[in-house]
Amino acid sequence: MAVTHSTAARNAATDAVTALIGASGRLRFRLSGTVAAPGTSVANLALSATAFGASATGTATASAITSDTNAAGNASAVANATLETSGGTVVIHCAVAASASDVNMTNGLTVTAGDTVSCSSLTYTALSA
């Protein structure tokens, strides 16, 4: 039997995780890394003061995300993204690919110095139904 969670439990878990990001967190695109050692950041996008709205059916949607209009860039492909506090503590670490990933980049995985990197939408789900 698969583990399932009530909507209330999914909402509580998702809201607890997104609350850890706090005010003025960051979405960073990185070349590689883990939660403990997140790796080189090639783009740094500012999250809104309230990063995510309240969870509904276990999923929270990010508020507006400010583009990085002068990305640091690198010749290597982006492999990961992190959501972190304004102080740089990683809260969420996830995979990045062109499609079928945690985060999908639609204009290629390589960010060149000076590029503008934007995020049109972002959701987070802590637990499966």
N, C-alpha and C. Protein backbone atom coordinates (compact mmCIF):
# COMPACT_ATOMS: atom_id res chain seq x y z
N MET A 1 0.83 -1.18 0.00
CA MET A 1 0.00 0.00 0.00
C MET A 1 0.88 1.25 0.00
N ALA A 2 0.56 2.20 -0.84
CA ALA A 2 1.30 3.46 -0.91
C ALA A 2 0.93 4.36 0.26
N VAL A 3 1.88 5.15 0.68
CA VAL A 3 1.63 6.14 1.73
C VAL A 3 0.85 7.29 1.12
N THR A 4 -0.22 7.68 1.76
CA THR A 4 -1.01 8.83 1.31
C THR A 4 -1.17 9.79 2.47
N HIS A 5 -1.49 11.02 2.15
CA HIS A 5 -1.65 12.07 3.16
C HIS A 5 -2.94 12.82 2.91
N SER A 6 -3.56 13.25 3.98
CA SER A 6 -4.76 14.08 3.84
C SER A 6 -4.37 15.44 3.26
N THR A 7 -5.34 16.14 2.73
CA THR A 7 -5.07 17.49 2.21
C THR A 7 -4.55 18.39 3.31
N ALA A 8 -5.10 18.27 4.52
CA ALA A 8 -4.64 19.10 5.64
C ALA A 8 -3.17 18.83 5.94
N ALA A 9 -2.76 17.57 5.91
CA ALA A 9 -1.36 17.23 6.18
C ALA A 9 -0.45 17.75 5.06
N ARG A 10 -0.89 17.61 3.82
CA ARG A 10 -0.10 18.10 2.69
C ARG A 10 0.05 19.62 2.75
N ASN A 11 -1.04 20.32 3.07
CA ASN A 11 -0.98 21.78 3.20
C ASN A 11 -0.03 22.19 4.32
N ALA A 12 -0.14 21.52 5.47
CA ALA A 12 0.70 21.86 6.62
C ALA A 12 2.18 21.64 6.30
N ALA A 13 2.51 20.52 5.67
CA ALA A 13 3.90 20.24 5.32
C ALA A 13 4.44 21.25 4.32
N THR A 14 3.68 21.52 3.29
CA THR A 14 4.12 22.48 2.27
C THR A 14 4.30 23.87 2.87
N ASP A 15 3.33 24.32 3.66
CA ASP A 15 3.42 25.65 4.28
C ASP A 15 4.60 25.74 5.25
N ALA A 16 4.88 24.66 5.98
CA ALA A 16 6.01 24.66 6.91
C ALA A 16 7.34 24.82 6.17
N VAL A 17 7.50 24.13 5.06
CA VAL A 17 8.74 24.22 4.29
C VAL A 17 8.88 25.60 3.66
N THR A 18 7.84 26.09 3.01
CA THR A 18 7.96 27.40 2.35
C THR A 18 8.13 28.53 3.36
N ALA A 19 7.60 28.37 4.57
CA ALA A 19 7.79 29.40 5.62
C ALA A 19 9.25 29.52 6.02
N LEU A 20 10.01 28.44 5.91
CA LEU A 20 11.43 28.47 6.26
C LEU A 20 12.22 29.42 5.36
N ILE A 21 11.74 29.66 4.15
CA ILE A 21 12.43 30.57 3.23
C ILE A 21 12.39 31.99 3.79
N GLY A 22 11.26 32.35 4.44
CA GLY A 22 11.15 33.66 5.07
C GLY A 22 11.03 34.79 4.07
N ALA A 23 11.23 35.99 4.57
CA ALA A 23 11.12 37.20 3.75
C ALA A 23 12.36 37.38 2.88
N SER A 24 12.16 37.76 1.65
CA SER A 24 13.24 38.15 0.74
C SER A 24 14.23 37.02 0.45
N GLY A 25 13.71 35.81 0.24
CA GLY A 25 14.55 34.68 -0.13
C GLY A 25 15.04 34.78 -1.56
N ARG A 26 15.75 33.76 -2.00
CA ARG A 26 16.35 33.75 -3.33
C ARG A 26 16.10 32.43 -4.03
N LEU A 27 15.97 32.49 -5.34
CA LEU A 27 15.98 31.33 -6.22
C LEU A 27 17.29 31.42 -6.98
N ARG A 28 18.15 30.42 -6.78
CA ARG A 28 19.46 30.44 -7.44
C ARG A 28 19.58 29.23 -8.37
N PHE A 29 20.06 29.48 -9.57
CA PHE A 29 20.36 28.41 -10.52
C PHE A 29 21.85 28.11 -10.40
N ARG A 30 22.16 26.79 -10.30
CA ARG A 30 23.52 26.38 -9.98
C ARG A 30 24.04 25.33 -10.95
N LEU A 31 25.35 25.19 -11.01
CA LEU A 31 25.98 24.23 -11.91
C LEU A 31 25.90 22.81 -11.38
N SER A 32 26.00 22.64 -10.09
CA SER A 32 25.97 21.31 -9.47
C SER A 32 25.80 21.51 -7.98
N GLY A 33 25.83 20.42 -7.22
CA GLY A 33 25.84 20.55 -5.78
C GLY A 33 24.77 19.75 -5.08
N THR A 34 24.76 19.92 -3.77
CA THR A 34 23.82 19.25 -2.87
C THR A 34 23.25 20.29 -1.92
N VAL A 35 22.36 19.87 -1.04
CA VAL A 35 21.82 20.79 -0.03
C VAL A 35 22.96 21.32 0.83
N ALA A 36 23.87 20.45 1.25
CA ALA A 36 24.96 20.85 2.13
C ALA A 36 26.04 21.67 1.42
N ALA A 37 26.26 21.41 0.14
CA ALA A 37 27.27 22.11 -0.65
C ALA A 37 26.64 22.46 -2.00
N PRO A 38 25.89 23.58 -2.06
CA PRO A 38 25.04 23.85 -3.22
C PRO A 38 25.74 24.15 -4.54
N GLY A 39 27.00 24.43 -4.58
CA GLY A 39 27.68 24.64 -5.85
C GLY A 39 27.63 26.07 -6.34
N THR A 40 28.24 26.31 -7.48
CA THR A 40 28.37 27.64 -8.06
C THR A 40 27.04 28.17 -8.56
N SER A 41 26.70 29.38 -8.16
CA SER A 41 25.47 30.05 -8.61
C SER A 41 25.75 30.83 -9.88
N VAL A 42 24.90 30.62 -10.89
CA VAL A 42 25.07 31.36 -12.15
C VAL A 42 23.97 32.39 -12.38
N ALA A 43 22.87 32.28 -11.60
CA ALA A 43 21.79 33.26 -11.67
C ALA A 43 21.12 33.33 -10.31
N ASN A 44 20.76 34.54 -9.89
CA ASN A 44 20.26 34.79 -8.55
C ASN A 44 19.01 35.65 -8.65
N LEU A 45 17.84 35.04 -8.44
CA LEU A 45 16.57 35.74 -8.60
C LEU A 45 15.96 36.02 -7.23
N ALA A 46 15.47 37.21 -7.04
CA ALA A 46 14.86 37.60 -5.76
C ALA A 46 13.41 37.14 -5.68
N LEU A 47 13.07 36.51 -4.55
CA LEU A 47 11.69 36.15 -4.29
C LEU A 47 10.99 37.33 -3.63
N SER A 48 9.68 37.36 -3.69
CA SER A 48 8.91 38.41 -3.03
C SER A 48 9.08 38.31 -1.53
N ALA A 49 8.72 39.38 -0.81
CA ALA A 49 8.80 39.38 0.65
C ALA A 49 8.02 38.21 1.23
N THR A 50 6.87 37.91 0.65
CA THR A 50 6.14 36.68 0.97
C THR A 50 6.38 35.75 -0.22
N ALA A 51 7.32 34.82 -0.04
CA ALA A 51 7.79 34.01 -1.17
C ALA A 51 6.69 33.16 -1.79
N PHE A 52 5.85 32.54 -0.95
CA PHE A 52 4.79 31.65 -1.42
C PHE A 52 3.49 31.99 -0.72
N GLY A 53 2.41 31.83 -1.46
CA GLY A 53 1.09 31.94 -0.85
C GLY A 53 0.78 30.68 -0.06
N ALA A 54 -0.34 30.69 0.66
CA ALA A 54 -0.76 29.53 1.43
C ALA A 54 -1.02 28.35 0.49
N SER A 55 -0.70 27.17 0.96
CA SER A 55 -0.89 25.96 0.18
C SER A 55 -2.37 25.66 -0.02
N ALA A 56 -2.68 25.14 -1.21
CA ALA A 56 -4.03 24.65 -1.52
C ALA A 56 -3.86 23.27 -2.14
N THR A 57 -4.55 22.31 -1.63
CA THR A 57 -4.43 20.90 -2.05
C THR A 57 -2.98 20.43 -2.08
N GLY A 58 -2.20 20.92 -1.12
CA GLY A 58 -0.83 20.46 -0.96
C GLY A 58 0.22 21.18 -1.78
N THR A 59 -0.17 22.16 -2.55
CA THR A 59 0.77 22.88 -3.42
C THR A 59 0.72 24.37 -3.14
N ALA A 60 1.90 24.98 -3.00
CA ALA A 60 2.01 26.43 -2.82
C ALA A 60 2.57 27.04 -4.10
N THR A 61 2.05 28.20 -4.46
CA THR A 61 2.50 28.91 -5.65
C THR A 61 3.32 30.12 -5.22
N ALA A 62 4.46 30.29 -5.86
CA ALA A 62 5.34 31.42 -5.53
C ALA A 62 4.69 32.74 -5.94
N SER A 63 4.95 33.74 -5.13
CA SER A 63 4.58 35.11 -5.50
C SER A 63 5.55 35.55 -6.60
N ALA A 64 5.47 36.80 -7.02
CA ALA A 64 6.32 37.30 -8.10
C ALA A 64 7.79 37.06 -7.80
N ILE A 65 8.54 36.69 -8.83
CA ILE A 65 9.98 36.45 -8.73
C ILE A 65 10.68 37.45 -9.65
N THR A 66 11.62 38.21 -9.10
CA THR A 66 12.32 39.22 -9.87
C THR A 66 13.43 38.59 -10.70
N SER A 67 13.49 38.94 -11.96
CA SER A 67 14.52 38.40 -12.86
C SER A 67 15.91 38.84 -12.44
N ASP A 68 16.89 38.03 -12.75
CA ASP A 68 18.29 38.41 -12.63
C ASP A 68 18.66 38.98 -14.00
N THR A 69 18.86 40.29 -14.09
CA THR A 69 19.10 40.94 -15.37
C THR A 69 20.58 41.03 -15.73
N ASN A 70 21.44 40.48 -14.87
CA ASN A 70 22.88 40.48 -15.15
C ASN A 70 23.48 39.23 -14.51
N ALA A 71 23.10 38.07 -15.01
CA ALA A 71 23.53 36.80 -14.43
C ALA A 71 25.05 36.65 -14.49
N ALA A 72 25.59 35.96 -13.48
CA ALA A 72 27.03 35.70 -13.44
C ALA A 72 27.43 34.79 -14.60
N GLY A 73 26.59 33.80 -14.89
CA GLY A 73 26.83 32.92 -16.02
C GLY A 73 28.02 32.01 -15.84
N ASN A 74 28.16 31.07 -16.80
CA ASN A 74 29.25 30.10 -16.83
C ASN A 74 29.10 29.32 -18.12
N ALA A 75 30.17 28.69 -18.56
CA ALA A 75 30.11 27.90 -19.79
C ALA A 75 29.45 26.55 -19.60
N SER A 76 29.29 26.11 -18.35
CA SER A 76 28.69 24.81 -18.07
C SER A 76 27.18 24.92 -17.94
N ALA A 77 26.51 23.81 -18.12
CA ALA A 77 25.04 23.79 -18.04
C ALA A 77 24.56 23.82 -16.59
N VAL A 78 23.44 24.49 -16.39
CA VAL A 78 22.77 24.51 -15.07
C VAL A 78 22.26 23.10 -14.78
N ALA A 79 22.46 22.65 -13.55
CA ALA A 79 22.02 21.31 -13.16
C ALA A 79 21.06 21.31 -11.97
N ASN A 80 21.13 22.36 -11.14
CA ASN A 80 20.33 22.42 -9.93
C ASN A 80 19.80 23.82 -9.69
N ALA A 81 18.80 23.87 -8.83
CA ALA A 81 18.29 25.15 -8.35
C ALA A 81 18.12 25.03 -6.85
N THR A 82 18.25 26.16 -6.17
CA THR A 82 18.00 26.19 -4.73
C THR A 82 17.04 27.32 -4.41
N LEU A 83 16.21 27.07 -3.43
CA LEU A 83 15.39 28.12 -2.81
C LEU A 83 15.98 28.30 -1.43
N GLU A 84 16.32 29.53 -1.10
CA GLU A 84 17.03 29.76 0.14
C GLU A 84 16.61 31.05 0.83
N THR A 85 17.01 31.15 2.08
CA THR A 85 16.69 32.33 2.88
C THR A 85 17.52 33.51 2.38
N SER A 86 17.16 34.71 2.83
CA SER A 86 17.94 35.89 2.44
C SER A 86 19.37 35.79 2.96
N GLY A 87 19.60 34.99 4.00
CA GLY A 87 20.94 34.79 4.53
C GLY A 87 21.72 33.69 3.84
N GLY A 88 21.11 33.00 2.86
CA GLY A 88 21.81 32.00 2.08
C GLY A 88 21.65 30.56 2.55
N THR A 89 20.80 30.32 3.54
CA THR A 89 20.56 28.94 3.98
C THR A 89 19.66 28.24 2.97
N VAL A 90 20.13 27.12 2.43
CA VAL A 90 19.35 26.37 1.45
C VAL A 90 18.20 25.66 2.15
N VAL A 91 16.99 25.88 1.65
CA VAL A 91 15.79 25.23 2.18
C VAL A 91 15.35 24.10 1.24
N ILE A 92 15.40 24.36 -0.06
CA ILE A 92 14.99 23.38 -1.07
C ILE A 92 16.09 23.31 -2.13
N HIS A 93 16.46 22.09 -2.50
CA HIS A 93 17.45 21.86 -3.54
C HIS A 93 16.79 20.92 -4.55
N CYS A 94 16.83 21.25 -5.83
CA CYS A 94 16.13 20.43 -6.81
C CYS A 94 16.88 20.39 -8.14
N ALA A 95 16.48 19.44 -8.97
CA ALA A 95 17.11 19.25 -10.28
C ALA A 95 16.56 20.24 -11.30
N VAL A 96 17.39 20.57 -12.28
CA VAL A 96 17.01 21.44 -13.40
C VAL A 96 17.35 20.71 -14.69
N ALA A 97 16.45 20.76 -15.66
CA ALA A 97 16.68 20.18 -16.98
C ALA A 97 15.84 20.95 -18.00
N ALA A 98 15.94 20.56 -19.25
CA ALA A 98 15.15 21.21 -20.29
C ALA A 98 13.68 20.84 -20.20
N SER A 99 13.37 19.65 -19.70
CA SER A 99 11.98 19.21 -19.54
C SER A 99 11.92 18.05 -18.57
N ALA A 100 10.73 17.74 -18.09
CA ALA A 100 10.47 16.59 -17.22
C ALA A 100 11.35 16.57 -15.97
N SER A 101 11.59 17.74 -15.38
CA SER A 101 12.43 17.84 -14.19
C SER A 101 11.69 18.61 -13.11
N ASP A 102 12.36 18.80 -11.97
CA ASP A 102 11.78 19.61 -10.90
C ASP A 102 11.58 21.05 -11.37
N VAL A 103 12.61 21.57 -12.04
CA VAL A 103 12.56 22.91 -12.66
C VAL A 103 12.95 22.74 -14.12
N ASN A 104 12.17 23.29 -15.02
CA ASN A 104 12.43 23.21 -16.45
C ASN A 104 12.87 24.56 -16.99
N MET A 105 14.02 24.58 -17.66
CA MET A 105 14.51 25.81 -18.30
C MET A 105 14.21 25.69 -19.79
N THR A 106 13.48 26.66 -20.32
CA THR A 106 12.98 26.56 -21.69
C THR A 106 13.90 27.17 -22.74
N ASN A 107 14.87 27.98 -22.36
CA ASN A 107 15.73 28.63 -23.36
C ASN A 107 17.16 28.12 -23.29
N GLY A 108 17.32 26.85 -22.96
CA GLY A 108 18.65 26.26 -22.86
C GLY A 108 19.15 26.25 -21.43
N LEU A 109 20.09 25.37 -21.15
CA LEU A 109 20.59 25.18 -19.80
C LEU A 109 21.86 25.97 -19.50
N THR A 110 22.43 26.61 -20.51
CA THR A 110 23.65 27.39 -20.29
C THR A 110 23.29 28.86 -20.12
N VAL A 111 23.75 29.44 -19.02
CA VAL A 111 23.54 30.86 -18.74
C VAL A 111 24.87 31.56 -18.96
N THR A 112 24.88 32.55 -19.83
CA THR A 112 26.08 33.30 -20.15
C THR A 112 26.13 34.55 -19.28
N ALA A 113 27.32 35.00 -18.94
CA ALA A 113 27.48 36.22 -18.16
C ALA A 113 26.72 37.37 -18.82
N GLY A 114 25.93 38.07 -18.02
CA GLY A 114 25.14 39.20 -18.51
C GLY A 114 23.75 38.83 -18.98
N ASP A 115 23.45 37.54 -19.08
CA ASP A 115 22.10 37.11 -19.50
C ASP A 115 21.05 37.55 -18.49
N THR A 116 19.82 37.66 -18.96
CA THR A 116 18.67 37.83 -18.08
C THR A 116 18.03 36.46 -17.89
N VAL A 117 17.85 36.09 -16.63
CA VAL A 117 17.21 34.82 -16.28
C VAL A 117 15.94 35.14 -15.51
N SER A 118 14.84 34.58 -15.97
CA SER A 118 13.56 34.86 -15.31
C SER A 118 12.85 33.55 -14.99
N CYS A 119 11.87 33.65 -14.13
CA CYS A 119 11.05 32.50 -13.75
C CYS A 119 9.60 32.92 -13.88
N SER A 120 8.88 32.31 -14.80
CA SER A 120 7.50 32.71 -15.07
C SER A 120 6.51 32.14 -14.07
N SER A 121 6.82 30.99 -13.48
CA SER A 121 5.94 30.42 -12.46
C SER A 121 6.72 29.36 -11.68
N LEU A 122 6.32 29.17 -10.43
CA LEU A 122 6.99 28.20 -9.58
C LEU A 122 6.00 27.70 -8.54
N THR A 123 5.90 26.39 -8.40
CA THR A 123 5.08 25.81 -7.36
C THR A 123 5.92 24.83 -6.55
N TYR A 124 5.48 24.56 -5.32
CA TYR A 124 6.16 23.60 -4.46
C TYR A 124 5.12 22.70 -3.80
N THR A 125 5.39 21.39 -3.84
CA THR A 125 4.56 20.40 -3.19
C THR A 125 5.45 19.54 -2.31
N ALA A 126 5.17 19.50 -0.99
CA ALA A 126 6.03 18.76 -0.06
C ALA A 126 5.73 17.27 -0.03
N LEU A 127 4.47 16.88 -0.09
CA LEU A 127 4.08 15.48 0.03
C LEU A 127 3.16 15.08 -1.10
N SER A 128 3.20 13.81 -1.44
CA SER A 128 2.27 13.32 -2.46
C SER A 128 0.91 13.05 -1.83
N ALA A 129 -0.10 12.98 -2.68
CA ALA A 129 -1.46 12.75 -2.19
C ALA A 129 -1.61 11.33 -1.71
